[in-house]
Protein backbone atom coordinates (compact mmCIF):
# COMPACT_ATOMS: atom_id res chain seq x y z
CA UNK A 1 0.00 0.00 0.00
CA UNK A 2 1.41 3.38 -0.96
CA UNK A 3 1.59 6.29 1.42
CA UNK A 4 -1.11 8.95 0.93
CA UNK A 5 0.04 12.31 -0.44
CA UNK A 6 1.16 14.76 2.24
CA UNK A 7 0.63 18.49 2.06
CA UNK A 8 3.99 20.31 2.16
CA UNK A 9 5.07 21.82 5.46
CA UNK A 10 6.29 25.42 5.34
CA UNK A 11 9.48 26.58 7.05
CA UNK A 12 10.40 29.37 9.45
CA UNK A 13 7.74 31.85 10.48
CA UNK A 14 5.07 30.14 8.33
CA UNK A 15 5.69 26.84 10.16
CA UNK A 16 5.43 28.65 13.49
CA UNK A 17 2.08 30.14 12.43
CA UNK A 18 0.87 26.72 11.25
CA UNK A 19 1.77 25.21 14.63
CA UNK A 20 0.01 28.02 16.53
CA UNK A 21 -3.09 27.62 14.32
CA UNK A 22 -3.09 23.87 15.01
CA UNK A 23 -2.97 24.56 18.75
CA UNK A 24 -5.85 27.03 18.50
CA UNK A 25 -7.93 24.61 16.41
CA UNK A 26 -7.21 21.53 18.55
CA UNK A 27 -7.82 23.38 21.87
CA UNK A 28 -7.41 20.38 24.20
CA UNK A 29 -4.03 18.64 24.34
CA UNK A 30 -3.00 15.55 26.21
CA UNK A 31 -0.14 15.91 28.67
CA UNK A 32 2.46 13.26 29.42
CA UNK A 33 4.00 13.31 32.89
CA UNK A 34 5.88 10.80 35.01
CA UNK A 35 4.61 8.85 38.00
CA UNK A 36 7.93 7.48 39.25
CA UNK A 37 9.12 5.41 36.29
CA UNK A 38 5.60 5.05 34.81
CA UNK A 39 4.51 7.56 32.14
CA UNK A 40 0.99 8.95 32.62
CA UNK A 41 -1.10 10.56 29.90
CA UNK A 42 -4.25 12.63 30.38
CA UNK A 43 -6.26 15.26 28.52
CA UNK A 44 -6.05 18.78 29.90
CA UNK A 45 -7.94 21.99 29.31
CA UNK A 46 -5.51 24.92 29.13
CA UNK A 47 -6.72 28.06 30.87
CA UNK A 48 -4.38 30.27 28.83
CA UNK A 49 -1.98 29.92 25.94
CA UNK A 50 0.68 32.52 25.10
CA UNK A 51 2.41 31.34 21.96
CA UNK A 52 3.80 27.95 22.95
CA UNK A 53 3.63 28.66 26.71
CA UNK A 54 0.59 26.83 28.06
CA UNK A 55 -1.10 27.37 31.43
CA UNK A 56 -2.93 24.44 33.01
CA UNK A 57 -4.95 24.49 36.23
CA UNK A 58 -4.91 21.54 38.58
CA UNK A 59 -6.17 20.48 41.98
CA UNK A 60 -3.68 20.25 44.83
CA UNK A 61 -5.07 16.79 45.72
CA UNK A 62 -4.79 15.37 42.17
CA UNK A 63 -2.32 12.77 40.99
CA UNK A 64 -1.28 15.17 38.21
CA UNK A 65 -0.15 17.74 40.79
CA UNK A 66 1.77 15.13 42.79
CA UNK A 67 3.53 13.97 39.61
CA UNK A 68 4.42 17.50 38.48
CA UNK A 69 5.75 18.44 41.90
CA UNK A 70 8.17 15.48 41.75
CA UNK A 71 9.12 15.87 38.09
CA UNK A 72 8.02 18.90 36.08
CA UNK A 73 9.20 17.54 32.73
CA UNK A 74 6.17 17.18 30.45
CA UNK A 75 5.09 16.93 26.86
CA UNK A 76 1.83 18.31 25.52
CA UNK A 77 0.42 16.91 22.29
CA UNK A 78 -2.22 18.75 20.28
CA UNK A 79 -3.98 16.79 17.53
CA UNK A 80 -6.08 18.63 14.95
CA UNK A 81 -9.14 17.26 13.19
CA UNK A 82 -6.86 16.61 10.20
CA UNK A 83 -4.55 14.67 12.54
CA UNK A 84 -1.72 17.19 12.33
CA UNK A 85 0.29 17.21 15.56
CA UNK A 86 2.03 19.84 17.63
CA UNK A 87 4.20 18.49 20.43
CA UNK A 88 5.46 20.89 23.10
CA UNK A 89 8.24 19.55 25.31
CA UNK A 90 8.92 21.60 28.40
CA UNK A 91 8.85 22.03 32.14
CA UNK A 92 5.71 22.66 34.19
CA UNK A 93 6.39 25.38 36.74
CA UNK A 94 3.97 26.26 39.51
CA UNK A 95 2.68 29.83 39.14
CA UNK A 96 2.61 31.80 42.40
CA UNK A 97 2.50 35.35 41.01
CA UNK A 98 -0.80 36.70 42.34
CA UNK A 99 -1.34 39.03 39.36
CA UNK A 100 -1.05 36.12 36.89
CA UNK A 101 -3.31 33.93 39.02
CA UNK A 102 -5.86 36.77 39.26
CA UNK A 103 -5.82 37.48 35.53
CA UNK A 104 -6.42 33.82 34.68
CA UNK A 105 -9.03 33.49 37.44
CA UNK A 106 -10.94 36.55 36.23
CA UNK A 107 -10.95 35.28 32.65
CA UNK A 108 -12.13 31.76 33.39
CA UNK A 109 -15.75 31.27 34.53
CA UNK A 110 -15.31 27.48 34.70
CA UNK A 111 -12.51 27.83 37.28
CA UNK A 112 -14.57 30.31 39.30
CA UNK A 113 -17.63 28.07 39.21
CA UNK A 114 -15.73 24.94 40.18
CA UNK A 115 -13.42 26.33 42.85
CA UNK A 116 -15.50 29.25 44.15
CA UNK A 117 -12.54 31.36 45.28
CA UNK A 118 -9.08 32.15 44.00
CA UNK A 119 -7.94 31.43 47.57
CA UNK A 120 -9.28 27.87 47.50
CA UNK A 121 -6.26 25.81 48.63
CA UNK A 122 -7.06 23.23 45.93
CA UNK A 123 -6.29 25.73 43.13
CA UNK A 124 -2.88 25.13 41.56
CA UNK A 125 -1.72 26.71 38.31
CA UNK A 126 1.14 25.46 36.15
CA UNK A 127 2.92 27.21 33.31
CA UNK A 128 4.47 24.83 30.79
CA UNK A 129 7.63 26.58 29.61
CA UNK A 130 8.57 25.10 26.23
CA UNK A 131 12.09 24.05 25.34
CA UNK A 132 11.15 22.26 22.11
CA UNK A 133 8.20 22.38 19.71
CA UNK A 134 7.67 19.97 16.83
CA UNK A 135 5.02 19.79 14.09
CA UNK A 136 3.99 16.80 11.98
CA UNK A 137 1.39 16.40 9.27
CA UNK A 138 -0.71 13.25 9.26
CA UNK A 139 1.01 10.49 7.27
CA UNK A 140 4.22 12.49 6.93
CA UNK A 141 5.91 10.52 9.71
CA UNK A 142 8.44 13.32 9.91
CA UNK A 143 8.63 15.99 12.62
CA UNK A 144 9.63 19.56 11.85
CA UNK A 145 11.32 21.69 14.50
CA UNK A 146 9.37 24.88 15.19
CA UNK A 147 11.05 28.13 16.25
CA UNK A 148 10.05 29.04 19.81
CA UNK A 149 10.01 32.79 19.20
C-alpha atoms as a PDB file:
ATOM      1  CA  UNK A   1       0.000   0.000   0.000  1.00  0.00           C
ATOM      2  CA  UNK A   2       1.411   3.380  -0.956  1.00  0.00           C
ATOM      3  CA  UNK A   3       1.589   6.289   1.423  1.00  0.00           C
ATOM      4  CA  UNK A   4      -1.111   8.950   0.929  1.00  0.00           C
ATOM      5  CA  UNK A   5       0.041  12.311  -0.435  1.00  0.00           C
ATOM      6  CA  UNK A   6       1.161  14.757   2.238  1.00  0.00           C
ATOM      7  CA  UNK A   7       0.626  18.486   2.059  1.00  0.00           C
ATOM      8  CA  UNK A   8       3.986  20.306   2.160  1.00  0.00           C
ATOM      9  CA  UNK A   9       5.071  21.825   5.462  1.00  0.00           C
ATOM     10  CA  UNK A  10       6.292  25.421   5.337  1.00  0.00           C
ATOM     11  CA  UNK A  11       9.478  26.583   7.047  1.00  0.00           C
ATOM     12  CA  UNK A  12      10.402  29.371   9.448  1.00  0.00           C
ATOM     13  CA  UNK A  13       7.736  31.853  10.476  1.00  0.00           C
ATOM     14  CA  UNK A  14       5.069  30.138   8.330  1.00  0.00           C
ATOM     15  CA  UNK A  15       5.690  26.843  10.159  1.00  0.00           C
ATOM     16  CA  UNK A  16       5.429  28.653  13.493  1.00  0.00           C
ATOM     17  CA  UNK A  17       2.079  30.145  12.433  1.00  0.00           C
ATOM     18  CA  UNK A  18       0.865  26.724  11.247  1.00  0.00           C
ATOM     19  CA  UNK A  19       1.771  25.205  14.625  1.00  0.00           C
ATOM     20  CA  UNK A  20       0.006  28.017  16.525  1.00  0.00           C
ATOM     21  CA  UNK A  21      -3.089  27.615  14.322  1.00  0.00           C
ATOM     22  CA  UNK A  22      -3.088  23.871  15.007  1.00  0.00           C
ATOM     23  CA  UNK A  23      -2.973  24.559  18.745  1.00  0.00           C
ATOM     24  CA  UNK A  24      -5.854  27.027  18.498  1.00  0.00           C
ATOM     25  CA  UNK A  25      -7.934  24.611  16.411  1.00  0.00           C
ATOM     26  CA  UNK A  26      -7.208  21.529  18.549  1.00  0.00           C
ATOM     27  CA  UNK A  27      -7.817  23.379  21.868  1.00  0.00           C
ATOM     28  CA  UNK A  28      -7.410  20.380  24.202  1.00  0.00           C
ATOM     29  CA  UNK A  29      -4.029  18.644  24.340  1.00  0.00           C
ATOM     30  CA  UNK A  30      -2.997  15.550  26.208  1.00  0.00           C
ATOM     31  CA  UNK A  31      -0.144  15.906  28.666  1.00  0.00           C
ATOM     32  CA  UNK A  32       2.456  13.264  29.422  1.00  0.00           C
ATOM     33  CA  UNK A  33       3.998  13.311  32.894  1.00  0.00           C
ATOM     34  CA  UNK A  34       5.878  10.804  35.008  1.00  0.00           C
ATOM     35  CA  UNK A  35       4.611   8.855  38.002  1.00  0.00           C
ATOM     36  CA  UNK A  36       7.927   7.481  39.252  1.00  0.00           C
ATOM     37  CA  UNK A  37       9.115   5.408  36.294  1.00  0.00           C
ATOM     38  CA  UNK A  38       5.603   5.049  34.808  1.00  0.00           C
ATOM     39  CA  UNK A  39       4.509   7.564  32.136  1.00  0.00           C
ATOM     40  CA  UNK A  40       0.990   8.947  32.620  1.00  0.00           C
ATOM     41  CA  UNK A  41      -1.098  10.563  29.904  1.00  0.00           C
ATOM     42  CA  UNK A  42      -4.255  12.633  30.381  1.00  0.00           C
ATOM     43  CA  UNK A  43      -6.264  15.257  28.524  1.00  0.00           C
ATOM     44  CA  UNK A  44      -6.049  18.779  29.901  1.00  0.00           C
ATOM     45  CA  UNK A  45      -7.945  21.986  29.309  1.00  0.00           C
ATOM     46  CA  UNK A  46      -5.514  24.918  29.125  1.00  0.00           C
ATOM     47  CA  UNK A  47      -6.720  28.056  30.874  1.00  0.00           C
ATOM     48  CA  UNK A  48      -4.378  30.271  28.828  1.00  0.00           C
ATOM     49  CA  UNK A  49      -1.975  29.924  25.943  1.00  0.00           C
ATOM     50  CA  UNK A  50       0.683  32.520  25.101  1.00  0.00           C
ATOM     51  CA  UNK A  51       2.408  31.336  21.957  1.00  0.00           C
ATOM     52  CA  UNK A  52       3.802  27.951  22.954  1.00  0.00           C
ATOM     53  CA  UNK A  53       3.628  28.656  26.706  1.00  0.00           C
ATOM     54  CA  UNK A  54       0.587  26.831  28.065  1.00  0.00           C
ATOM     55  CA  UNK A  55      -1.104  27.373  31.430  1.00  0.00           C
ATOM     56  CA  UNK A  56      -2.929  24.440  33.011  1.00  0.00           C
ATOM     57  CA  UNK A  57      -4.954  24.490  36.226  1.00  0.00           C
ATOM     58  CA  UNK A  58      -4.909  21.543  38.579  1.00  0.00           C
ATOM     59  CA  UNK A  59      -6.171  20.484  41.979  1.00  0.00           C
ATOM     60  CA  UNK A  60      -3.682  20.247  44.833  1.00  0.00           C
ATOM     61  CA  UNK A  61      -5.072  16.794  45.718  1.00  0.00           C
ATOM     62  CA  UNK A  62      -4.794  15.370  42.167  1.00  0.00           C
ATOM     63  CA  UNK A  63      -2.316  12.767  40.992  1.00  0.00           C
ATOM     64  CA  UNK A  64      -1.277  15.169  38.215  1.00  0.00           C
ATOM     65  CA  UNK A  65      -0.147  17.742  40.792  1.00  0.00           C
ATOM     66  CA  UNK A  66       1.768  15.127  42.786  1.00  0.00           C
ATOM     67  CA  UNK A  67       3.529  13.972  39.612  1.00  0.00           C
ATOM     68  CA  UNK A  68       4.417  17.501  38.480  1.00  0.00           C
ATOM     69  CA  UNK A  69       5.748  18.437  41.904  1.00  0.00           C
ATOM     70  CA  UNK A  70       8.170  15.484  41.752  1.00  0.00           C
ATOM     71  CA  UNK A  71       9.119  15.869  38.092  1.00  0.00           C
ATOM     72  CA  UNK A  72       8.015  18.897  36.081  1.00  0.00           C
ATOM     73  CA  UNK A  73       9.202  17.538  32.731  1.00  0.00           C
ATOM     74  CA  UNK A  74       6.165  17.180  30.454  1.00  0.00           C
ATOM     75  CA  UNK A  75       5.088  16.934  26.857  1.00  0.00           C
ATOM     76  CA  UNK A  76       1.827  18.314  25.518  1.00  0.00           C
ATOM     77  CA  UNK A  77       0.424  16.907  22.287  1.00  0.00           C
ATOM     78  CA  UNK A  78      -2.222  18.750  20.282  1.00  0.00           C
ATOM     79  CA  UNK A  79      -3.982  16.794  17.532  1.00  0.00           C
ATOM     80  CA  UNK A  80      -6.077  18.632  14.948  1.00  0.00           C
ATOM     81  CA  UNK A  81      -9.145  17.261  13.193  1.00  0.00           C
ATOM     82  CA  UNK A  82      -6.858  16.614  10.197  1.00  0.00           C
ATOM     83  CA  UNK A  83      -4.548  14.672  12.543  1.00  0.00           C
ATOM     84  CA  UNK A  84      -1.723  17.187  12.329  1.00  0.00           C
ATOM     85  CA  UNK A  85       0.288  17.208  15.560  1.00  0.00           C
ATOM     86  CA  UNK A  86       2.031  19.838  17.631  1.00  0.00           C
ATOM     87  CA  UNK A  87       4.199  18.493  20.434  1.00  0.00           C
ATOM     88  CA  UNK A  88       5.457  20.886  23.101  1.00  0.00           C
ATOM     89  CA  UNK A  89       8.245  19.553  25.306  1.00  0.00           C
ATOM     90  CA  UNK A  90       8.924  21.597  28.401  1.00  0.00           C
ATOM     91  CA  UNK A  91       8.855  22.030  32.140  1.00  0.00           C
ATOM     92  CA  UNK A  92       5.710  22.655  34.194  1.00  0.00           C
ATOM     93  CA  UNK A  93       6.393  25.382  36.737  1.00  0.00           C
ATOM     94  CA  UNK A  94       3.972  26.263  39.508  1.00  0.00           C
ATOM     95  CA  UNK A  95       2.676  29.826  39.138  1.00  0.00           C
ATOM     96  CA  UNK A  96       2.612  31.795  42.397  1.00  0.00           C
ATOM     97  CA  UNK A  97       2.499  35.351  41.011  1.00  0.00           C
ATOM     98  CA  UNK A  98      -0.804  36.697  42.338  1.00  0.00           C
ATOM     99  CA  UNK A  99      -1.343  39.030  39.362  1.00  0.00           C
ATOM    100  CA  UNK A 100      -1.050  36.123  36.887  1.00  0.00           C
ATOM    101  CA  UNK A 101      -3.308  33.935  39.023  1.00  0.00           C
ATOM    102  CA  UNK A 102      -5.862  36.766  39.264  1.00  0.00           C
ATOM    103  CA  UNK A 103      -5.818  37.483  35.527  1.00  0.00           C
ATOM    104  CA  UNK A 104      -6.417  33.825  34.682  1.00  0.00           C
ATOM    105  CA  UNK A 105      -9.028  33.486  37.439  1.00  0.00           C
ATOM    106  CA  UNK A 106     -10.938  36.549  36.234  1.00  0.00           C
ATOM    107  CA  UNK A 107     -10.953  35.279  32.649  1.00  0.00           C
ATOM    108  CA  UNK A 108     -12.135  31.755  33.394  1.00  0.00           C
ATOM    109  CA  UNK A 109     -15.746  31.268  34.531  1.00  0.00           C
ATOM    110  CA  UNK A 110     -15.313  27.482  34.702  1.00  0.00           C
ATOM    111  CA  UNK A 111     -12.514  27.832  37.283  1.00  0.00           C
ATOM    112  CA  UNK A 112     -14.566  30.314  39.297  1.00  0.00           C
ATOM    113  CA  UNK A 113     -17.634  28.070  39.206  1.00  0.00           C
ATOM    114  CA  UNK A 114     -15.730  24.943  40.183  1.00  0.00           C
ATOM    115  CA  UNK A 115     -13.416  26.334  42.849  1.00  0.00           C
ATOM    116  CA  UNK A 116     -15.505  29.253  44.150  1.00  0.00           C
ATOM    117  CA  UNK A 117     -12.543  31.362  45.284  1.00  0.00           C
ATOM    118  CA  UNK A 118      -9.077  32.147  44.003  1.00  0.00           C
ATOM    119  CA  UNK A 119      -7.937  31.427  47.566  1.00  0.00           C
ATOM    120  CA  UNK A 120      -9.284  27.869  47.504  1.00  0.00           C
ATOM    121  CA  UNK A 121      -6.257  25.805  48.631  1.00  0.00           C
ATOM    122  CA  UNK A 122      -7.059  23.228  45.930  1.00  0.00           C
ATOM    123  CA  UNK A 123      -6.289  25.730  43.134  1.00  0.00           C
ATOM    124  CA  UNK A 124      -2.885  25.127  41.562  1.00  0.00           C
ATOM    125  CA  UNK A 125      -1.719  26.706  38.313  1.00  0.00           C
ATOM    126  CA  UNK A 126       1.140  25.458  36.148  1.00  0.00           C
ATOM    127  CA  UNK A 127       2.917  27.209  33.305  1.00  0.00           C
ATOM    128  CA  UNK A 128       4.474  24.833  30.789  1.00  0.00           C
ATOM    129  CA  UNK A 129       7.632  26.576  29.605  1.00  0.00           C
ATOM    130  CA  UNK A 130       8.575  25.100  26.234  1.00  0.00           C
ATOM    131  CA  UNK A 131      12.094  24.051  25.341  1.00  0.00           C
ATOM    132  CA  UNK A 132      11.155  22.255  22.111  1.00  0.00           C
ATOM    133  CA  UNK A 133       8.201  22.381  19.710  1.00  0.00           C
ATOM    134  CA  UNK A 134       7.666  19.965  16.828  1.00  0.00           C
ATOM    135  CA  UNK A 135       5.019  19.794  14.089  1.00  0.00           C
ATOM    136  CA  UNK A 136       3.988  16.795  11.980  1.00  0.00           C
ATOM    137  CA  UNK A 137       1.391  16.397   9.267  1.00  0.00           C
ATOM    138  CA  UNK A 138      -0.706  13.252   9.263  1.00  0.00           C
ATOM    139  CA  UNK A 139       1.014  10.492   7.267  1.00  0.00           C
ATOM    140  CA  UNK A 140       4.220  12.490   6.927  1.00  0.00           C
ATOM    141  CA  UNK A 141       5.909  10.518   9.714  1.00  0.00           C
ATOM    142  CA  UNK A 142       8.439  13.325   9.912  1.00  0.00           C
ATOM    143  CA  UNK A 143       8.625  15.991  12.618  1.00  0.00           C
ATOM    144  CA  UNK A 144       9.632  19.559  11.852  1.00  0.00           C
ATOM    145  CA  UNK A 145      11.324  21.694  14.496  1.00  0.00           C
ATOM    146  CA  UNK A 146       9.371  24.884  15.189  1.00  0.00           C
ATOM    147  CA  UNK A 147      11.047  28.127  16.250  1.00  0.00           C
ATOM    148  CA  UNK A 148      10.049  29.041  19.808  1.00  0.00           C
ATOM    149  CA  UNK A 149      10.012  32.789  19.199  1.00  0.00           C
END
